[in-house]
Amino acid sequence: MTNLQLNRVVITGMGAITPIGNTLKDYWESLLQGKNGIGEITLFDTSGFDCRIGGEVKDFDPFAYVPRKEGKRMDRFAQFGVCASKQALADANLVITPENADLIGVLIGTGVGGIKVMEDQKEILLTKGPSRVSPFTIPMMIANMAAGLTAIHTGAKGPNSCTVTACAAGSHAIGDAFRMVQRGYAKAMIAGGAEAAITPLSYAGFASAKALSFRNDDPAHASRPFDVSRDGFVMGEGAGILILEELEHALARGAKIYGEIVGYGSTCDAYHMTSPVPAGDGATKAIQLALKDGNLKPEDVSYVNAHGTSTPANDKTETKAIKRALGDHAYHTLVSSTKSMTGHLLGGSGGIEAVATMMAIANDKVPPTINLENPDPECDLDYVAHKSREHTVNVALSNSFGFGGHNVTLAFKKYQ
């Protein structure tokens, strides 16, 4: 393996379905404008719930991408994943044919998969009996179905898998897809994350764990990463998908290139089910591994798209990790949390945040952290508060951390 020739891997297409825009263009423009995507929940009756706010995807029409009959047999998370994947393929102008199908794979992560279908069908089981449970329950519920259905609807016959690592799932998917293309197992991968967990059981569980913001009277300001008054994360939903392509394959077909993915760091805290190691050991190591993998130095980093959940523990721990990994250069690096606008998409967050990171590189603009009114003294970096900023972004990192102690950092750079 030491003599293995590694391929360069570039990003040639992206798709996004988010609480602030259902196309790449709309999502990116909304990020730069600091648009808020958080509001009162409409997807279910929140009477009696401690948390009644979230980042819902608005005006989403899955049938613009897939036939109605087939779309109705998908959980919402899978609809998001398939539709964002088709957007990304179109953006990349990558046509899958019988000749290249075996060379193109899919890897889409999710935290909880088809939880809405599971809840609905359990209610039917209890009220109407087992004979009334849908025969599509299992294939709609299982977490791998966003990846499987994407292959079915695009024809991609290459490597196909699903990462299920809580809030790190989307980034794990992109990192693992990067490795597949880098090492020659595929010429291109459709990769990212999808989630649709704005459901009664999900909300009840996270609220019981005191993980959510209860700022119901002010949803627009509820997601406030790095602010001293943050009180928990706000749930979001959607999908972010990237086309990762072997450089020579992309050049041969004249593809546009947004940038290059060069590093992937993955670690585990091995500490606690839900809390990060207070000193940020695992997150620090993930950042360091991504830099090493990409042959990068701390001073090369222009921007960090932070995990930045707006929870008391994560934000200060991530700040420590960034400072430990980048040293003094951390104070010269722009850091922002786009979750301040979209909420936290769980397994989908790594997907939309990788898209945001890549767009920052391609456009030399950094999206802001909105609602940062009173920074926590323990969060003392430049978080690009309130307004986006024009800034040359040559190298950028995207962090994702998940329950179970999963830590992922992806490293992207300008294509040269």
Protein backbone atom coordinates (compact mmCIF):
# COMPACT_ATOMS: atom_id res chain seq x y z
CA MET A 1 0.00 0.00 0.00
CA THR A 2 2.95 2.36 0.48
CA ASN A 3 3.48 2.49 -3.28
CA LEU A 4 -0.20 3.09 -4.07
CA GLN A 5 -0.68 5.95 -6.53
CA LEU A 6 -3.35 8.21 -5.08
CA ASN A 7 -5.69 10.09 -7.38
CA ARG A 8 -6.49 13.74 -6.91
CA VAL A 9 -10.17 14.26 -6.16
CA VAL A 10 -12.12 17.35 -7.19
CA ILE A 11 -15.66 18.65 -6.62
CA THR A 12 -17.55 19.05 -9.90
CA GLY A 13 -21.17 19.38 -8.81
CA MET A 14 -23.30 20.13 -5.75
CA GLY A 15 -26.93 19.99 -4.71
CA ALA A 16 -28.68 21.35 -1.63
CA ILE A 17 -32.13 21.16 -0.08
CA THR A 18 -32.14 23.20 3.11
CA PRO A 19 -34.30 25.36 5.41
CA ILE A 20 -32.98 28.44 3.59
CA GLY A 21 -33.09 27.29 -0.03
CA ASN A 22 -33.85 24.24 -2.15
CA THR A 23 -31.16 24.74 -4.79
CA LEU A 24 -27.43 25.37 -4.60
CA LYS A 25 -27.89 28.95 -5.82
CA ASP A 26 -30.65 29.80 -3.35
CA TYR A 27 -28.86 28.13 -0.44
CA TRP A 28 -25.60 29.97 -1.09
CA GLU A 29 -27.26 33.35 -1.58
CA SER A 30 -29.24 32.87 1.63
CA LEU A 31 -26.08 32.00 3.56
CA LEU A 32 -24.37 35.16 2.36
CA GLN A 33 -27.42 37.21 3.28
CA GLY A 34 -27.52 35.73 6.79
CA LYS A 35 -31.05 34.45 6.21
CA ASN A 36 -32.82 32.81 9.12
CA GLY A 37 -34.44 29.42 8.42
CA ILE A 38 -35.84 28.76 11.88
CA GLY A 39 -39.51 29.09 12.71
CA GLU A 40 -42.45 27.39 14.41
CA ILE A 41 -42.91 23.72 13.53
CA THR A 42 -45.66 22.95 11.03
CA LEU A 43 -44.87 19.30 10.26
CA PHE A 44 -46.64 18.04 13.39
CA ASP A 45 -48.74 19.32 16.26
CA THR A 46 -46.31 20.55 18.91
CA SER A 47 -48.91 21.03 21.65
CA GLY A 48 -47.39 19.83 24.90
CA PHE A 49 -43.82 19.79 23.55
CA ASP A 50 -41.08 21.72 25.33
CA CYS A 51 -39.50 22.65 21.98
CA ARG A 52 -41.77 23.89 19.20
CA ILE A 53 -39.29 25.38 16.71
CA GLY A 54 -37.13 24.06 13.92
CA GLY A 55 -35.57 24.60 10.52
CA GLU A 56 -38.09 23.07 8.13
CA VAL A 57 -37.55 22.75 4.40
CA LYS A 58 -40.18 24.92 2.72
CA ASP A 59 -41.94 24.53 -0.64
CA PHE A 60 -40.25 21.22 -1.38
CA ASP A 61 -41.67 19.26 -4.32
CA PRO A 62 -40.05 15.83 -4.64
CA PHE A 63 -42.17 15.08 -7.68
CA ALA A 64 -40.23 17.64 -9.67
CA TYR A 65 -37.37 15.12 -9.51
CA VAL A 66 -38.98 11.68 -9.26
CA PRO A 67 -42.29 10.17 -10.46
CA ARG A 68 -45.13 10.67 -8.00
CA LYS A 69 -45.80 6.96 -7.43
CA GLU A 70 -42.16 6.26 -6.62
CA GLY A 71 -41.68 9.44 -4.59
CA LYS A 72 -44.59 8.55 -2.32
CA ARG A 73 -42.78 5.33 -1.43
CA MET A 74 -39.84 7.23 0.03
CA ASP A 75 -39.45 8.65 3.51
CA ARG A 76 -38.84 12.39 3.49
CA PHE A 77 -35.11 11.94 4.23
CA ALA A 78 -34.71 9.73 1.16
CA GLN A 79 -36.63 12.21 -0.97
CA PHE A 80 -34.19 14.89 0.13
CA GLY A 81 -31.20 12.69 -0.65
CA VAL A 82 -32.37 11.56 -4.08
CA CYS A 83 -33.43 15.04 -5.16
CA ALA A 84 -30.22 16.75 -3.98
CA SER A 85 -28.22 14.02 -5.73
CA LYS A 86 -30.02 14.65 -9.01
CA GLN A 87 -29.32 18.38 -8.57
CA ALA A 88 -25.63 17.66 -8.04
CA LEU A 89 -25.36 15.40 -11.09
CA ALA A 90 -27.05 18.07 -13.23
CA ASP A 91 -24.72 20.73 -11.83
CA ALA A 92 -21.74 18.54 -12.68
CA ASN A 93 -23.16 17.78 -16.13
CA LEU A 94 -22.32 14.17 -15.34
CA VAL A 95 -24.51 11.76 -17.28
CA ILE A 96 -24.58 8.17 -16.07
CA THR A 97 -24.73 5.70 -18.93
CA PRO A 98 -24.40 1.91 -19.24
CA GLU A 99 -20.78 2.51 -20.20
CA ASN A 100 -19.76 4.44 -17.05
CA ALA A 101 -22.37 3.26 -14.50
CA ASP A 102 -20.01 0.80 -12.82
CA LEU A 103 -17.49 3.60 -12.24
CA ILE A 104 -19.86 5.91 -10.33
CA GLY A 105 -20.96 5.17 -6.77
CA VAL A 106 -23.12 6.61 -4.00
CA LEU A 107 -22.41 7.21 -0.31
CA ILE A 108 -25.05 9.13 1.63
CA GLY A 109 -25.02 9.34 5.42
CA THR A 110 -27.91 9.85 7.82
CA GLY A 111 -28.35 9.98 11.57
CA VAL A 112 -31.74 8.33 12.04
CA GLY A 113 -33.05 7.50 8.56
CA GLY A 114 -36.78 7.02 8.08
CA ILE A 115 -37.95 7.88 11.57
CA LYS A 116 -41.21 9.48 10.35
CA VAL A 117 -42.29 6.28 8.63
CA MET A 118 -41.39 4.26 11.71
CA GLU A 119 -43.48 6.51 13.96
CA ASP A 120 -46.45 6.53 11.61
CA GLN A 121 -46.47 2.79 11.08
CA LYS A 122 -46.09 2.06 14.80
CA GLU A 123 -49.23 4.13 15.38
CA ILE A 124 -51.06 2.09 12.73
CA LEU A 125 -49.85 -1.12 14.35
CA LEU A 126 -51.20 -0.06 17.73
CA THR A 127 -54.52 1.34 16.52
CA LYS A 128 -55.41 -0.82 13.51
CA GLY A 129 -53.40 -4.00 13.94
CA PRO A 130 -50.43 -5.66 12.21
CA SER A 131 -52.28 -6.44 9.00
CA ARG A 132 -52.62 -2.72 8.27
CA VAL A 133 -48.91 -1.93 8.47
CA SER A 134 -47.57 -0.89 5.05
CA PRO A 135 -45.48 -3.41 3.11
CA PHE A 136 -43.15 -0.50 2.35
CA THR A 137 -42.44 0.17 6.04
CA ILE A 138 -39.02 -1.47 6.18
CA PRO A 139 -37.63 -0.27 2.83
CA MET A 140 -38.84 3.26 3.61
CA MET A 141 -37.43 3.22 7.13
CA ILE A 142 -33.95 1.78 6.76
CA ALA A 143 -31.09 4.27 6.77
CA ASN A 144 -29.35 3.05 3.61
CA MET A 145 -32.32 3.82 1.39
CA ALA A 146 -31.30 7.36 0.45
CA ALA A 147 -28.16 5.84 -1.07
CA GLY A 148 -29.97 2.87 -2.56
CA LEU A 149 -32.77 4.93 -4.11
CA THR A 150 -30.29 7.46 -5.46
CA ALA A 151 -28.60 4.63 -7.34
CA ILE A 152 -31.96 3.38 -8.61
CA HIS A 153 -32.99 6.82 -9.84
CA THR A 154 -29.63 7.73 -11.38
CA GLY A 155 -28.29 4.38 -12.58
CA ALA A 156 -25.06 4.55 -10.54
CA LYS A 157 -23.81 0.95 -10.14
CA GLY A 158 -20.47 1.58 -8.44
CA PRO A 159 -19.73 1.33 -4.70
CA ASN A 160 -22.85 2.08 -2.66
CA SER A 161 -23.03 2.51 1.09
CA CYS A 162 -24.41 4.51 3.99
CA THR A 163 -22.71 5.93 7.07
CA VAL A 164 -24.78 6.15 10.25
CA THR A 165 -22.65 8.06 12.74
CA ALA A 166 -25.13 10.55 14.18
CA CYS A 167 -24.21 14.15 13.38
CA ALA A 168 -20.93 13.11 11.73
CA ALA A 169 -22.65 10.86 9.16
CA GLY A 170 -22.66 13.27 6.22
CA SER A 171 -19.00 14.14 6.66
CA HIS A 172 -18.04 10.50 7.13
CA ALA A 173 -19.83 9.74 3.85
CA ILE A 174 -17.89 12.44 2.01
CA GLY A 175 -14.60 11.35 3.57
CA ASP A 176 -15.15 7.69 2.76
CA ALA A 177 -16.20 8.58 -0.79
CA PHE A 178 -13.02 10.65 -1.09
CA ARG A 179 -10.99 7.59 -0.18
CA MET A 180 -12.80 5.46 -2.78
CA VAL A 181 -12.02 7.87 -5.61
CA GLN A 182 -8.54 8.63 -4.30
CA ARG A 183 -7.66 4.93 -4.31
CA GLY A 184 -9.27 4.07 -7.62
CA TYR A 185 -12.38 2.17 -6.53
CA ALA A 186 -14.58 4.64 -8.41
CA LYS A 187 -14.16 7.45 -10.92
CA ALA A 188 -16.85 9.52 -9.25
CA MET A 189 -18.98 9.36 -6.10
CA ILE A 190 -22.29 10.99 -5.24
CA ALA A 191 -21.74 11.78 -1.56
CA GLY A 192 -23.20 13.71 1.35
CA GLY A 193 -25.91 13.52 4.00
CA ALA A 194 -29.68 13.61 4.30
CA GLU A 195 -32.03 13.90 7.28
CA ALA A 196 -35.70 14.49 8.07
CA ALA A 197 -36.01 14.08 11.81
CA ILE A 198 -38.49 16.83 12.64
CA THR A 199 -40.93 14.32 14.14
CA PRO A 200 -42.70 13.91 17.50
CA LEU A 201 -40.50 11.08 18.81
CA SER A 202 -37.30 12.79 17.76
CA TYR A 203 -38.31 16.07 19.38
CA ALA A 204 -39.53 14.38 22.55
CA GLY A 205 -36.29 12.44 22.89
CA PHE A 206 -33.92 15.34 22.26
CA ALA A 207 -35.96 17.61 24.52
CA SER A 208 -35.86 15.06 27.34
CA ALA A 209 -32.09 14.99 26.93
CA LYS A 210 -32.07 18.81 27.30
CA ALA A 211 -30.24 19.09 23.98
CA LEU A 212 -32.66 21.45 22.20
CA SER A 213 -33.17 25.17 22.48
CA PHE A 214 -36.42 26.07 24.23
CA ARG A 215 -36.44 29.65 22.90
CA ASN A 216 -39.93 29.12 21.45
CA ASP A 217 -40.91 32.78 21.71
CA ASP A 218 -38.00 33.90 19.52
CA PRO A 219 -37.22 31.20 16.94
CA ALA A 220 -35.27 33.53 14.65
CA HIS A 221 -32.64 33.97 17.38
CA ALA A 222 -32.73 30.50 18.91
CA SER A 223 -29.74 29.06 17.06
CA ARG A 224 -26.87 31.19 18.39
CA PRO A 225 -23.54 29.36 18.21
CA PHE A 226 -20.73 30.71 20.39
CA ASP A 227 -23.08 33.18 22.11
CA VAL A 228 -23.03 33.19 25.91
CA SER A 229 -26.83 32.79 26.02
CA ARG A 230 -27.04 29.71 23.76
CA ASP A 231 -29.27 27.06 25.30
CA GLY A 232 -29.25 24.13 22.87
CA PHE A 233 -29.42 23.25 19.20
CA VAL A 234 -32.34 23.78 16.84
CA MET A 235 -33.33 20.86 14.64
CA GLY A 236 -33.11 21.28 10.88
CA GLU A 237 -33.73 19.01 7.91
CA GLY A 238 -32.59 18.61 4.32
CA ALA A 239 -29.69 17.23 2.30
CA GLY A 240 -26.37 18.31 0.85
CA ILE A 241 -24.68 16.31 -1.89
CA LEU A 242 -21.35 16.70 -3.69
CA ILE A 243 -19.95 15.01 -6.78
CA LEU A 244 -16.44 13.85 -5.94
CA GLU A 245 -14.57 13.05 -9.14
CA GLU A 246 -11.14 11.78 -10.05
CA LEU A 247 -9.27 14.74 -11.52
CA GLU A 248 -8.26 13.18 -14.84
CA HIS A 249 -11.79 11.89 -15.39
CA ALA A 250 -13.16 15.39 -14.75
CA LEU A 251 -10.64 17.04 -17.07
CA ALA A 252 -11.26 14.52 -19.82
CA ARG A 253 -14.93 15.43 -19.99
CA GLY A 254 -14.36 19.18 -19.60
CA ALA A 255 -16.06 19.45 -16.22
CA LYS A 256 -16.07 22.67 -14.24
CA ILE A 257 -14.16 22.29 -10.99
CA TYR A 258 -15.23 24.04 -7.80
CA GLY A 259 -12.21 22.92 -5.81
CA GLU A 260 -10.37 19.91 -4.45
CA ILE A 261 -10.83 17.70 -1.41
CA VAL A 262 -7.42 16.84 0.00
CA GLY A 263 -7.79 15.68 3.61
CA TYR A 264 -9.96 13.52 5.86
CA GLY A 265 -9.49 13.09 9.59
CA SER A 266 -11.65 10.70 11.62
CA THR A 267 -11.40 9.88 15.33
CA CYS A 268 -13.50 8.86 18.31
CA ASP A 269 -13.52 10.35 21.81
CA ALA A 270 -14.27 6.98 23.47
CA TYR A 271 -15.58 9.07 26.35
CA HIS A 272 -19.36 9.56 26.62
CA MET A 273 -22.57 8.80 24.70
CA THR A 274 -23.49 12.44 24.12
CA SER A 275 -20.83 14.76 25.60
CA PRO A 276 -17.50 15.63 23.97
CA VAL A 277 -14.23 15.31 25.84
CA PRO A 278 -14.00 18.69 27.62
CA ALA A 279 -10.50 19.42 26.32
CA GLY A 280 -11.51 18.49 22.76
CA ASP A 281 -8.89 15.76 22.32
CA GLY A 282 -10.73 13.81 19.63
CA ALA A 283 -11.77 16.87 17.65
CA THR A 284 -8.23 18.25 17.83
CA LYS A 285 -6.82 15.00 16.48
CA ALA A 286 -9.37 14.89 13.64
CA ILE A 287 -8.31 18.37 12.51
CA GLN A 288 -4.64 17.44 12.75
CA LEU A 289 -5.19 14.25 10.76
CA ALA A 290 -7.04 16.11 8.01
CA LEU A 291 -4.18 18.60 7.76
CA LYS A 292 -1.59 15.84 7.64
CA ASP A 293 -3.60 13.91 5.06
CA GLY A 294 -3.77 17.00 2.85
CA ASN A 295 -0.09 17.89 3.36
CA LEU A 296 -1.24 21.15 4.90
CA LYS A 297 0.13 23.35 7.67
CA PRO A 298 -2.04 25.18 10.22
CA GLU A 299 -1.13 28.51 8.65
CA ASP A 300 -2.54 27.34 5.31
CA VAL A 301 -6.08 27.34 6.69
CA SER A 302 -8.19 30.35 5.72
CA TYR A 303 -11.60 29.27 7.02
CA VAL A 304 -13.23 26.69 9.28
CA ASN A 305 -16.88 25.81 8.85
CA ALA A 306 -17.49 24.85 12.46
CA HIS A 307 -19.77 22.15 13.78
CA GLY A 308 -21.03 25.02 15.95
CA THR A 309 -24.24 23.52 17.28
CA SER A 310 -25.26 26.28 19.72
CA THR A 311 -25.02 23.88 22.66
CA PRO A 312 -23.14 24.89 25.81
CA ALA A 313 -20.63 22.05 25.60
CA ASN A 314 -19.91 21.79 21.86
CA ASP A 315 -19.06 25.39 21.07
CA LYS A 316 -16.44 25.92 23.72
CA THR A 317 -14.97 22.45 23.19
CA GLU A 318 -14.71 22.97 19.43
CA THR A 319 -13.09 26.35 20.01
CA LYS A 320 -10.47 24.66 22.19
CA ALA A 321 -9.89 22.02 19.50
CA ILE A 322 -9.42 24.60 16.75
CA LYS A 323 -6.93 26.51 18.90
CA ARG A 324 -5.03 23.36 19.84
CA ALA A 325 -4.85 22.15 16.23
CA LEU A 326 -4.05 25.47 14.56
CA GLY A 327 -2.03 27.07 17.35
CA ASP A 328 -1.64 30.85 17.19
CA HIS A 329 -2.95 30.81 13.61
CA ALA A 330 -6.43 30.05 14.98
CA TYR A 331 -6.73 33.75 15.81
CA HIS A 332 -6.03 34.61 12.15
CA THR A 333 -8.53 32.07 10.78
CA LEU A 334 -12.15 32.86 10.02
CA VAL A 335 -14.61 30.50 11.71
CA SER A 336 -18.37 30.41 11.25
CA SER A 337 -21.33 28.21 12.02
CA THR A 338 -23.92 28.07 9.26
CA LYS A 339 -26.16 26.17 11.72
CA SER A 340 -27.03 29.61 13.04
CA MET A 341 -29.17 29.91 9.89
CA THR A 342 -30.17 26.35 9.00
CA GLY A 343 -30.37 24.69 12.38
CA HIS A 344 -28.73 21.33 12.94
CA LEU A 345 -29.51 18.71 10.28
CA LEU A 346 -27.98 15.86 12.32
CA GLY A 347 -26.64 13.40 9.71
CA GLY A 348 -27.43 15.87 6.94
CA SER A 349 -25.37 18.68 8.44
CA GLY A 350 -22.01 17.49 7.09
CA GLY A 351 -23.45 17.49 3.59
CA ILE A 352 -24.82 21.03 3.48
CA GLU A 353 -21.82 22.35 5.40
CA ALA A 354 -19.34 20.76 2.98
CA VAL A 355 -21.29 22.48 0.21
CA ALA A 356 -21.00 25.80 2.06
CA THR A 357 -17.28 25.24 2.62
CA MET A 358 -16.67 24.46 -1.03
CA MET A 359 -18.65 27.51 -2.13
CA ALA A 360 -16.60 29.69 0.22
CA ILE A 361 -13.45 28.51 -1.55
CA ALA A 362 -14.93 28.90 -5.03
CA ASN A 363 -16.25 32.42 -4.35
CA ASP A 364 -13.79 33.78 -1.78
CA LYS A 365 -16.66 34.67 0.51
CA VAL A 366 -17.27 33.42 4.05
CA PRO A 367 -20.83 33.02 5.36
CA PRO A 368 -21.57 34.52 8.77
CA THR A 369 -22.55 33.29 12.19
CA ILE A 370 -25.81 35.12 12.84
CA ASN A 371 -27.25 35.82 16.31
CA LEU A 372 -23.79 36.16 17.85
CA GLU A 373 -24.62 39.11 20.07
CA ASN A 374 -22.60 38.37 23.22
CA PRO A 375 -19.70 35.99 22.57
CA ASP A 376 -18.92 33.46 25.27
CA PRO A 377 -15.55 34.45 26.80
CA GLU A 378 -14.42 30.86 26.18
CA CYS A 379 -15.25 31.30 22.49
CA ASP A 380 -12.74 33.93 21.48
CA LEU A 381 -12.06 33.38 17.77
CA ASP A 382 -13.24 35.39 14.74
CA TYR A 383 -16.66 33.85 14.08
CA VAL A 384 -17.63 36.25 11.25
CA ALA A 385 -20.50 37.64 13.29
CA HIS A 386 -23.69 38.87 11.61
CA LYS A 387 -22.45 39.55 8.07
CA SER A 388 -20.64 37.52 5.42
CA ARG A 389 -17.15 38.61 4.55
CA GLU A 390 -15.10 38.72 1.37
CA HIS A 391 -11.91 36.86 2.09
CA THR A 392 -9.45 34.83 0.02
CA VAL A 393 -10.12 31.22 0.95
CA ASN A 394 -7.38 28.92 -0.30
CA VAL A 395 -7.88 26.15 2.25
CA ALA A 396 -10.95 25.46 4.36
CA LEU A 397 -11.94 22.83 6.90
CA SER A 398 -15.39 21.48 7.71
CA ASN A 399 -15.92 19.94 11.16
CA SER A 400 -18.62 17.47 12.21
CA PHE A 401 -18.98 15.79 15.60
CA GLY A 402 -21.61 13.25 16.62
CA PHE A 403 -23.13 11.42 19.56
CA GLY A 404 -21.00 8.40 20.33
CA GLY A 405 -17.87 10.53 20.19
CA HIS A 406 -17.47 10.57 16.40
CA ASN A 407 -15.25 13.36 15.05
CA VAL A 408 -14.66 14.22 11.38
CA THR A 409 -12.74 17.00 9.68
CA LEU A 410 -12.69 17.43 5.90
CA ALA A 411 -10.03 19.59 4.21
CA PHE A 412 -10.76 21.37 0.93
CA LYS A 413 -8.59 23.71 -1.15
CA LYS A 414 -8.63 25.76 -4.33
CA TYR A 415 -7.96 23.72 -7.45
CA GLN A 416 -4.65 24.58 -9.12
